[in-house]
Every structure is written in C-alpha cells, then in structure tokens.
C-alpha cells in the first residue's frame, strides 16, 4: 500500500522528491527529535524558506533562523498562500469543493469541515469569499 502511494506521488510530483541530502543531517544535531533530521536536511538541500509541520516545537526558531528557515503550521502556510493570490486560490478551492459527490458539499459546509480540522486561519481567509467558493 505504501509503495503504491509513493509511486503515485512520484508520478504526480516527481520533482518534489529530495535525494542526496544525508551529508546535511549533522546540521540537525540540535533538533529535539533526531528523527526529524531528514526533514531539516532536505529543507537545507532545496534552499526552502519554510518547513510546514504541525510539530512546531520540534523545529526551534533559533536553529532554523541560523539556516534561513522558519517552521510554519499547515494552517498558516495555507492562509498565507491564499493571501498571495486570493482569486486563484478561491477558484482552486471551489473546483476542489465541486468534486465532492457523495455527499456534495456546500461552501459553508466545506468551511465548517476545515475549521473542525484546525484550519482556523485558512477559514478566516476564505470566509469573505464564501459566495465564490
């Protein structure tokens, strides 16, 4: 099951796979959770600006700042992405909502589901556009 999912991800978004970053894992020696070393090393390898995670406490600001990185929650990342181009974001989310078939989902219900999932900032960004969702 996992192998099939990995295969589908590689087919859909192969350029997102990061390889040859093991030599950068020593940069992560100060992380609270050593199992996150690969995340930090991959972010450094790709010159990412942010690590999107719900485990913000596992990525201390001081360490990330020294590497020109920041940790962001998925909610903050999505809300910021919406703010970059609200019209395109709202249109994309509307298309996503319209694909729900069993059951169909109203814009209002979509926002309720997002809020229940903890996407409070995202819902705040979308609420003024509910008529277009």
N, C-alpha and C. Protein backbone atom coordinates (compact mmCIF):
# COMPACT_ATOMS: atom_id res chain seq x y z
N UNK A 1 0.82 -1.19 0.00
CA UNK A 1 0.00 0.00 0.00
C UNK A 1 0.87 1.27 0.00
N UNK A 2 1.86 1.32 0.88
CA UNK A 2 2.73 2.50 0.93
C UNK A 2 3.53 2.64 -0.36
N UNK A 3 4.01 1.54 -0.89
CA UNK A 3 4.79 1.60 -2.14
C UNK A 3 3.95 2.14 -3.29
N UNK A 4 2.69 1.75 -3.33
CA UNK A 4 1.80 2.25 -4.39
C UNK A 4 1.58 3.75 -4.23
N UNK A 5 1.41 4.21 -3.01
CA UNK A 5 1.21 5.64 -2.75
C UNK A 5 2.46 6.43 -3.14
N UNK A 6 3.61 5.91 -2.78
CA UNK A 6 4.87 6.58 -3.15
C UNK A 6 5.00 6.65 -4.66
N UNK A 7 4.66 5.59 -5.34
CA UNK A 7 4.71 5.57 -6.80
C UNK A 7 3.79 6.63 -7.39
N UNK A 8 2.57 6.74 -6.87
CA UNK A 8 1.63 7.76 -7.37
C UNK A 8 2.16 9.16 -7.11
N UNK A 9 2.76 9.39 -5.94
CA UNK A 9 3.31 10.71 -5.63
C UNK A 9 4.45 11.05 -6.58
N UNK A 10 5.31 10.08 -6.85
CA UNK A 10 6.43 10.32 -7.77
C UNK A 10 5.93 10.64 -9.18
N UNK A 11 4.88 9.95 -9.61
CA UNK A 11 4.33 10.21 -10.94
C UNK A 11 3.70 11.60 -11.01
N UNK A 12 3.00 12.00 -9.97
CA UNK A 12 2.29 13.27 -9.98
C UNK A 12 3.21 14.46 -9.71
N UNK A 13 4.24 14.24 -8.90
CA UNK A 13 5.03 15.38 -8.43
C UNK A 13 6.48 14.95 -8.18
N UNK A 14 7.05 14.30 -9.19
CA UNK A 14 8.39 13.74 -9.05
C UNK A 14 9.46 14.74 -8.68
N UNK A 15 9.32 15.97 -9.14
CA UNK A 15 10.35 16.98 -8.85
C UNK A 15 10.38 17.38 -7.38
N UNK A 16 9.41 16.92 -6.60
CA UNK A 16 9.40 17.24 -5.17
C UNK A 16 10.25 16.28 -4.36
N UNK A 17 10.68 15.19 -4.95
CA UNK A 17 11.50 14.22 -4.20
C UNK A 17 12.90 14.77 -4.03
N UNK A 18 13.39 14.74 -2.79
CA UNK A 18 14.71 15.25 -2.47
C UNK A 18 15.63 14.06 -2.22
N UNK A 19 16.77 14.06 -2.90
CA UNK A 19 17.74 12.98 -2.73
C UNK A 19 19.11 13.58 -2.40
N UNK A 20 20.03 12.73 -1.98
CA UNK A 20 21.42 13.13 -1.71
C UNK A 20 21.52 14.28 -0.70
N UNK A 21 20.87 14.12 0.44
CA UNK A 21 20.94 15.15 1.47
C UNK A 21 21.52 14.63 2.78
N UNK A 22 21.91 13.36 2.81
CA UNK A 22 22.38 12.74 4.06
C UNK A 22 23.57 13.49 4.65
N UNK A 23 24.43 14.05 3.81
CA UNK A 23 25.60 14.78 4.31
C UNK A 23 25.21 16.04 5.09
N UNK A 24 23.95 16.46 4.97
CA UNK A 24 23.49 17.66 5.68
C UNK A 24 22.83 17.34 7.02
N UNK A 25 22.62 16.07 7.33
CA UNK A 25 21.94 15.73 8.59
C UNK A 25 22.68 16.19 9.83
N UNK A 26 24.02 16.35 9.83
CA UNK A 26 24.66 16.87 11.03
C UNK A 26 24.17 18.27 11.43
N UNK A 27 23.63 19.04 10.49
CA UNK A 27 23.06 20.35 10.82
C UNK A 27 21.89 20.22 11.79
N UNK A 28 21.30 19.04 11.84
CA UNK A 28 20.11 18.82 12.67
C UNK A 28 20.44 18.26 14.04
N UNK A 29 21.70 18.25 14.41
CA UNK A 29 22.10 17.66 15.69
C UNK A 29 21.40 18.30 16.88
N UNK A 30 21.03 19.57 16.77
CA UNK A 30 20.40 20.27 17.89
C UNK A 30 18.87 20.15 17.91
N UNK A 31 18.30 19.40 16.97
CA UNK A 31 16.84 19.23 16.96
C UNK A 31 16.39 18.41 18.17
N UNK A 32 15.27 18.76 18.76
CA UNK A 32 14.75 17.98 19.89
C UNK A 32 14.44 16.53 19.52
N UNK A 33 14.02 16.28 18.29
CA UNK A 33 13.69 14.92 17.86
C UNK A 33 14.65 14.54 16.73
N UNK A 34 15.61 13.65 17.01
CA UNK A 34 16.57 13.28 15.98
C UNK A 34 15.93 12.64 14.74
N UNK A 35 14.70 12.12 14.88
CA UNK A 35 14.02 11.54 13.72
C UNK A 35 13.59 12.59 12.70
N UNK A 36 13.73 13.88 13.04
CA UNK A 36 13.38 14.96 12.12
C UNK A 36 14.59 15.46 11.33
N UNK A 37 15.74 14.83 11.52
CA UNK A 37 16.96 15.29 10.85
C UNK A 37 16.80 15.32 9.34
N UNK A 38 16.13 14.32 8.79
CA UNK A 38 15.97 14.26 7.32
C UNK A 38 15.12 15.43 6.80
N UNK A 39 14.17 15.87 7.61
CA UNK A 39 13.31 17.00 7.20
C UNK A 39 14.14 18.27 7.08
N UNK A 40 14.93 18.54 8.11
CA UNK A 40 15.77 19.73 8.09
C UNK A 40 16.82 19.65 6.98
N UNK A 41 17.45 18.49 6.83
CA UNK A 41 18.47 18.33 5.80
C UNK A 41 17.89 18.53 4.41
N UNK A 42 16.70 17.99 4.16
CA UNK A 42 16.07 18.16 2.85
C UNK A 42 15.70 19.62 2.61
N UNK A 43 15.25 20.31 3.65
CA UNK A 43 14.92 21.74 3.51
C UNK A 43 16.16 22.56 3.16
N UNK A 44 17.26 22.26 3.82
CA UNK A 44 18.51 22.97 3.52
C UNK A 44 18.96 22.65 2.09
N UNK A 45 18.91 21.39 1.72
CA UNK A 45 19.35 20.97 0.37
C UNK A 45 18.58 21.72 -0.72
N UNK A 46 17.28 21.90 -0.51
CA UNK A 46 16.45 22.54 -1.54
C UNK A 46 16.36 24.05 -1.38
N UNK A 47 17.05 24.58 -0.39
CA UNK A 47 17.01 26.02 -0.10
C UNK A 47 15.59 26.49 0.13
N UNK A 48 14.83 25.66 0.85
CA UNK A 48 13.45 26.01 1.19
C UNK A 48 13.44 27.22 2.13
N UNK A 49 12.34 27.94 2.11
CA UNK A 49 12.17 29.06 3.03
C UNK A 49 11.46 28.64 4.30
N UNK A 50 10.70 27.54 4.22
CA UNK A 50 9.91 27.11 5.36
C UNK A 50 9.78 25.60 5.41
N UNK A 51 9.61 25.12 6.62
CA UNK A 51 9.24 23.73 6.87
C UNK A 51 7.79 23.78 7.35
N UNK A 52 6.91 23.11 6.65
CA UNK A 52 5.50 23.09 7.02
C UNK A 52 5.26 21.85 7.86
N UNK A 53 4.87 22.07 9.11
CA UNK A 53 4.72 20.97 10.07
C UNK A 53 3.74 21.35 11.16
N UNK A 54 3.14 20.35 11.75
CA UNK A 54 2.31 20.59 12.93
C UNK A 54 3.15 20.42 14.20
N UNK A 55 4.38 19.96 14.05
CA UNK A 55 5.27 19.78 15.19
C UNK A 55 6.23 20.96 15.31
N UNK A 56 5.67 22.13 15.49
CA UNK A 56 6.48 23.35 15.52
C UNK A 56 7.53 23.31 16.62
N UNK A 57 7.20 22.68 17.75
CA UNK A 57 8.14 22.62 18.87
C UNK A 57 9.38 21.80 18.53
N UNK A 58 9.29 20.95 17.52
CA UNK A 58 10.43 20.12 17.13
C UNK A 58 11.42 20.85 16.24
N UNK A 59 11.09 22.07 15.86
CA UNK A 59 11.96 22.86 14.98
C UNK A 59 12.18 24.24 15.61
N UNK A 60 13.15 24.34 16.53
CA UNK A 60 13.37 25.59 17.27
C UNK A 60 13.70 26.77 16.35
N UNK A 61 13.07 27.90 16.65
CA UNK A 61 13.27 29.11 15.84
C UNK A 61 14.75 29.50 15.72
N UNK A 62 15.50 29.40 16.81
CA UNK A 62 16.90 29.82 16.78
C UNK A 62 17.71 28.99 15.79
N UNK A 63 17.51 27.69 15.79
CA UNK A 63 18.23 26.82 14.86
C UNK A 63 17.81 27.12 13.42
N UNK A 64 16.51 27.22 13.20
CA UNK A 64 16.03 27.46 11.84
C UNK A 64 16.49 28.82 11.32
N UNK A 65 16.46 29.84 12.17
CA UNK A 65 16.88 31.18 11.74
C UNK A 65 18.33 31.16 11.28
N UNK A 66 19.16 30.38 11.95
CA UNK A 66 20.59 30.32 11.55
C UNK A 66 20.75 29.67 10.17
N UNK A 67 19.72 28.96 9.72
CA UNK A 67 19.74 28.31 8.41
C UNK A 67 18.83 29.02 7.41
N UNK A 68 18.35 30.20 7.78
CA UNK A 68 17.45 30.98 6.94
C UNK A 68 16.16 30.22 6.63
N UNK A 69 15.62 29.55 7.65
CA UNK A 69 14.38 28.79 7.54
C UNK A 69 13.42 29.22 8.63
N UNK A 70 12.17 28.87 8.46
CA UNK A 70 11.18 29.03 9.51
C UNK A 70 10.25 27.83 9.48
N UNK A 71 9.65 27.53 10.61
CA UNK A 71 8.65 26.47 10.68
C UNK A 71 7.28 27.12 10.68
N UNK A 72 6.37 26.58 9.87
CA UNK A 72 5.02 27.12 9.75
C UNK A 72 4.03 25.98 9.92
N UNK A 73 2.92 26.27 10.56
CA UNK A 73 1.85 25.27 10.61
C UNK A 73 1.20 25.21 9.23
N UNK A 74 0.56 24.10 8.95
CA UNK A 74 -0.12 23.99 7.66
C UNK A 74 -1.20 25.05 7.53
N UNK A 75 -1.89 25.35 8.62
CA UNK A 75 -2.93 26.37 8.58
C UNK A 75 -2.36 27.73 8.19
N UNK A 76 -1.27 28.14 8.83
CA UNK A 76 -0.66 29.43 8.48
C UNK A 76 -0.12 29.42 7.05
N UNK A 77 0.47 28.30 6.64
CA UNK A 77 1.00 28.20 5.28
C UNK A 77 -0.12 28.33 4.25
N UNK A 78 -1.22 27.62 4.45
CA UNK A 78 -2.34 27.69 3.51
C UNK A 78 -2.93 29.10 3.48
N UNK A 79 -3.13 29.69 4.66
CA UNK A 79 -3.69 31.05 4.72
C UNK A 79 -2.79 32.04 4.00
N UNK A 80 -1.48 31.93 4.19
CA UNK A 80 -0.54 32.82 3.51
C UNK A 80 -0.57 32.60 2.00
N UNK A 81 -0.70 31.35 1.58
CA UNK A 81 -0.76 31.03 0.16
C UNK A 81 -2.02 31.63 -0.47
N UNK A 82 -3.12 31.56 0.24
CA UNK A 82 -4.37 32.18 -0.24
C UNK A 82 -4.18 33.67 -0.40
N UNK A 83 -3.51 34.30 0.55
CA UNK A 83 -3.30 35.75 0.51
C UNK A 83 -2.43 36.18 -0.68
N UNK A 84 -1.56 35.31 -1.15
CA UNK A 84 -0.68 35.66 -2.27
C UNK A 84 -1.46 35.91 -3.55
N UNK A 85 -2.51 35.13 -3.78
CA UNK A 85 -3.35 35.31 -4.97
C UNK A 85 -4.73 34.78 -4.63
N UNK A 86 -5.50 35.60 -3.95
CA UNK A 86 -6.79 35.18 -3.41
C UNK A 86 -7.73 34.68 -4.50
N UNK A 87 -7.78 35.36 -5.62
CA UNK A 87 -8.69 34.96 -6.69
C UNK A 87 -8.40 33.56 -7.20
N UNK A 88 -7.14 33.28 -7.48
CA UNK A 88 -6.78 31.94 -7.97
C UNK A 88 -7.00 30.89 -6.89
N UNK A 89 -6.68 31.23 -5.64
CA UNK A 89 -6.85 30.28 -4.54
C UNK A 89 -8.33 29.93 -4.35
N UNK A 90 -9.18 30.94 -4.34
CA UNK A 90 -10.61 30.70 -4.18
C UNK A 90 -11.14 29.85 -5.33
N UNK A 91 -10.71 30.13 -6.54
CA UNK A 91 -11.15 29.34 -7.70
C UNK A 91 -10.70 27.89 -7.57
N UNK A 92 -9.47 27.68 -7.12
CA UNK A 92 -8.96 26.31 -6.95
C UNK A 92 -9.72 25.57 -5.86
N UNK A 93 -10.01 26.24 -4.77
CA UNK A 93 -10.75 25.60 -3.68
C UNK A 93 -12.19 25.33 -4.10
N UNK A 94 -12.78 26.22 -4.91
CA UNK A 94 -14.12 25.96 -5.44
C UNK A 94 -14.13 24.69 -6.30
N UNK A 95 -13.12 24.56 -7.18
CA UNK A 95 -13.03 23.35 -8.02
C UNK A 95 -12.87 22.10 -7.15
N UNK A 96 -12.09 22.21 -6.10
CA UNK A 96 -11.93 21.09 -5.19
C UNK A 96 -13.26 20.73 -4.53
N UNK A 97 -13.98 21.74 -4.06
CA UNK A 97 -15.27 21.52 -3.41
C UNK A 97 -16.27 20.90 -4.37
N UNK A 98 -16.26 21.34 -5.61
CA UNK A 98 -17.21 20.83 -6.60
C UNK A 98 -16.98 19.37 -6.95
N UNK A 99 -15.80 18.85 -6.65
CA UNK A 99 -15.53 17.43 -6.91
C UNK A 99 -16.15 16.51 -5.87
N UNK A 100 -16.55 17.05 -4.73
CA UNK A 100 -17.22 16.22 -3.72
C UNK A 100 -18.56 15.79 -4.27
N UNK A 101 -18.81 14.50 -4.27
CA UNK A 101 -20.05 13.97 -4.84
C UNK A 101 -20.90 13.21 -3.83
N UNK A 102 -20.29 12.49 -2.93
CA UNK A 102 -21.05 11.65 -2.00
C UNK A 102 -20.62 11.92 -0.59
N UNK A 103 -21.14 12.83 0.10
CA UNK A 103 -22.18 13.74 -0.38
C UNK A 103 -21.54 14.99 -1.01
N UNK A 104 -22.37 15.72 -1.72
CA UNK A 104 -21.93 17.02 -2.21
C UNK A 104 -21.70 17.90 -0.99
N UNK A 105 -20.88 18.92 -1.18
CA UNK A 105 -20.53 19.77 -0.04
C UNK A 105 -20.73 21.24 -0.41
N UNK A 106 -21.51 21.92 0.38
CA UNK A 106 -21.70 23.36 0.16
C UNK A 106 -20.44 24.09 0.61
N UNK A 107 -20.32 25.33 0.17
CA UNK A 107 -19.18 26.14 0.58
C UNK A 107 -19.17 26.31 2.09
N UNK A 108 -20.33 26.54 2.65
CA UNK A 108 -20.44 26.70 4.10
C UNK A 108 -19.98 25.43 4.82
N UNK A 109 -20.43 24.27 4.33
CA UNK A 109 -20.03 23.00 4.96
C UNK A 109 -18.53 22.76 4.82
N UNK A 110 -17.96 23.14 3.68
CA UNK A 110 -16.52 23.00 3.49
C UNK A 110 -15.77 23.82 4.53
N UNK A 111 -16.20 25.05 4.75
CA UNK A 111 -15.54 25.89 5.75
C UNK A 111 -15.69 25.31 7.14
N UNK A 112 -16.85 24.76 7.45
CA UNK A 112 -17.05 24.12 8.76
C UNK A 112 -16.10 22.93 8.93
N UNK A 113 -15.97 22.13 7.88
CA UNK A 113 -15.06 20.98 7.95
C UNK A 113 -13.61 21.43 8.12
N UNK A 114 -13.24 22.48 7.40
CA UNK A 114 -11.87 22.99 7.51
C UNK A 114 -11.60 23.51 8.92
N UNK A 115 -12.57 24.23 9.46
CA UNK A 115 -12.42 24.76 10.81
C UNK A 115 -12.31 23.62 11.82
N UNK A 116 -13.12 22.59 11.67
CA UNK A 116 -13.07 21.43 12.57
C UNK A 116 -11.73 20.72 12.48
N UNK A 117 -11.09 20.81 11.32
CA UNK A 117 -9.78 20.19 11.13
C UNK A 117 -8.64 21.08 11.65
N UNK A 118 -8.98 22.24 12.20
CA UNK A 118 -7.97 23.12 12.76
C UNK A 118 -7.46 24.18 11.83
N UNK A 119 -8.07 24.34 10.67
CA UNK A 119 -7.63 25.33 9.69
C UNK A 119 -8.34 26.67 9.93
N UNK A 120 -8.16 27.21 11.10
CA UNK A 120 -8.87 28.42 11.52
C UNK A 120 -8.43 29.64 10.71
N UNK A 121 -7.13 29.83 10.54
CA UNK A 121 -6.64 30.98 9.77
C UNK A 121 -7.04 30.85 8.31
N UNK A 122 -7.05 29.63 7.80
CA UNK A 122 -7.47 29.39 6.42
C UNK A 122 -8.93 29.77 6.23
N UNK A 123 -9.77 29.35 7.16
CA UNK A 123 -11.20 29.69 7.10
C UNK A 123 -11.38 31.20 7.21
N UNK A 124 -10.62 31.85 8.09
CA UNK A 124 -10.71 33.31 8.21
C UNK A 124 -10.37 33.98 6.88
N UNK A 125 -9.39 33.43 6.15
CA UNK A 125 -9.01 34.00 4.87
C UNK A 125 -10.06 33.77 3.80
N UNK A 126 -10.79 32.64 3.92
CA UNK A 126 -11.78 32.28 2.91
C UNK A 126 -13.19 32.81 3.18
N UNK A 127 -13.50 33.03 4.44
CA UNK A 127 -14.88 33.41 4.80
C UNK A 127 -15.42 34.59 4.01
N UNK A 128 -14.63 35.64 3.75
CA UNK A 128 -15.18 36.76 2.95
C UNK A 128 -15.51 36.36 1.50
N UNK A 129 -15.04 35.19 1.08
CA UNK A 129 -15.23 34.76 -0.30
C UNK A 129 -16.17 33.55 -0.41
N UNK A 130 -16.93 33.29 0.65
CA UNK A 130 -17.76 32.09 0.67
C UNK A 130 -18.72 32.05 -0.52
N UNK A 131 -19.19 33.17 -0.98
CA UNK A 131 -20.08 33.22 -2.13
C UNK A 131 -19.43 32.77 -3.42
N UNK A 132 -18.12 32.80 -3.48
CA UNK A 132 -17.38 32.37 -4.67
C UNK A 132 -16.84 30.96 -4.56
N UNK A 133 -16.99 30.39 -3.39
CA UNK A 133 -16.49 29.02 -3.19
C UNK A 133 -17.48 28.02 -3.72
